[in-house]
Amino acid sequence: MKITSRREFLTSVARGGILGLMVLFSGAMLRRWENADDCRRSYACGNCGLSDRCNLPEAEKFRIEKNAPEKEKRENGRNGK
């Protein structure tokens, strides 16, 4: 790429700087998202593969509700047949 004028040079430097900042910002946000303890699925625990290990109160409620029918069957002596 041949730069013929000062204006083209400054434009290309500005574009490169903006692109670099966008890459750095995206990387920082991805890293922050990976390390976050918050819910990534808008509290839709049934669709989340992490619900068994999640520490959020919503996930705990989901686990209790999910296991309640199984516990009830065991207490009543039924095995689901």
Protein backbone atom coordinates (compact mmCIF):
# COMPACT_ATOMS: atom_id res chain seq x y z
CA MET A 1 0.00 0.00 0.00
CA LYS A 2 1.53 3.24 -1.10
CA ILE A 3 0.77 6.30 1.01
CA THR A 4 0.92 9.42 -1.09
CA SER A 5 -0.12 12.17 1.27
CA ARG A 6 -0.05 13.14 4.90
CA ARG A 7 -3.84 12.91 5.08
CA GLU A 8 -3.81 9.28 3.88
CA PHE A 9 -1.07 8.47 6.38
CA LEU A 10 -3.03 9.96 9.29
CA THR A 11 -6.20 8.20 8.16
CA SER A 12 -4.46 4.83 8.04
CA VAL A 13 -2.86 5.41 11.46
CA ALA A 14 -6.25 6.35 12.93
CA ARG A 15 -7.89 3.26 11.41
CA GLY A 16 -5.13 1.04 12.73
CA GLY A 17 -5.41 2.57 16.19
CA ILE A 18 -9.18 2.13 16.28
CA LEU A 19 -8.85 -1.47 15.10
CA GLY A 20 -6.21 -2.17 17.76
CA LEU A 21 -8.39 -0.67 20.49
CA MET A 22 -11.36 -2.74 19.35
CA VAL A 23 -9.27 -5.92 19.50
CA LEU A 24 -7.94 -5.07 22.96
CA PHE A 25 -11.41 -4.20 24.27
CA SER A 26 -12.91 -7.41 22.86
CA GLY A 27 -10.15 -9.50 24.40
CA ALA A 28 -10.55 -7.81 27.77
CA MET A 29 -14.31 -8.35 27.72
CA LEU A 30 -13.95 -12.03 26.78
CA ARG A 31 -11.44 -12.60 29.55
CA ARG A 32 -13.68 -10.84 32.04
CA TRP A 33 -16.67 -12.92 30.91
CA GLU A 34 -14.74 -16.18 31.33
CA ASN A 35 -13.74 -15.31 34.89
CA ALA A 36 -17.18 -14.05 35.96
CA ASP A 37 -19.24 -15.97 38.48
CA ASP A 38 -22.50 -14.51 37.20
CA CYS A 39 -25.03 -16.37 35.13
CA ARG A 40 -24.31 -16.42 31.41
CA ARG A 41 -27.68 -17.80 30.34
CA SER A 42 -30.10 -15.25 31.84
CA TYR A 43 -30.99 -17.58 34.71
CA ALA A 44 -32.35 -20.28 32.38
CA CYS A 45 -30.89 -23.09 34.47
CA GLY A 46 -32.63 -25.84 32.50
CA ASN A 47 -30.66 -24.92 29.40
CA CYS A 48 -27.32 -24.51 31.15
CA GLY A 49 -24.75 -27.25 31.38
CA LEU A 50 -23.25 -25.64 34.47
CA SER A 51 -26.38 -25.85 36.64
CA ASP A 52 -24.99 -28.81 38.64
CA ARG A 53 -21.94 -26.81 39.76
CA CYS A 54 -23.42 -23.30 39.85
CA ASN A 55 -23.38 -21.37 43.13
CA LEU A 56 -26.21 -18.98 42.33
CA PRO A 57 -29.40 -19.26 44.40
CA GLU A 58 -31.46 -19.70 41.21
CA ALA A 59 -29.44 -22.78 40.26
CA GLU A 60 -29.87 -24.23 43.75
CA LYS A 61 -33.65 -23.80 43.46
CA PHE A 62 -33.56 -25.44 40.05
CA ARG A 63 -31.63 -28.44 41.40
CA ILE A 64 -34.10 -28.85 44.27
CA GLU A 65 -37.10 -28.64 41.93
CA LYS A 66 -35.48 -30.99 39.42
CA ASN A 67 -34.71 -33.62 42.07
CA ALA A 68 -38.01 -33.29 44.00
CA PRO A 69 -40.02 -35.77 41.86
CA GLU A 70 -37.24 -38.36 42.12
CA LYS A 71 -37.06 -37.93 45.89
CA GLU A 72 -40.83 -38.25 46.15
CA LYS A 73 -40.79 -41.50 44.18
CA ARG A 74 -38.11 -42.95 46.45
CA GLU A 75 -40.02 -41.98 49.59
CA ASN A 76 -43.23 -43.55 48.27
CA GLY A 77 -41.45 -46.75 47.24
CA ARG A 78 -42.05 -46.25 43.54
CA ASN A 79 -39.30 -46.69 41.05
CA GLY A 80 -41.04 -45.13 38.05
CA LYS A 81 -42.26 -48.37 36.44
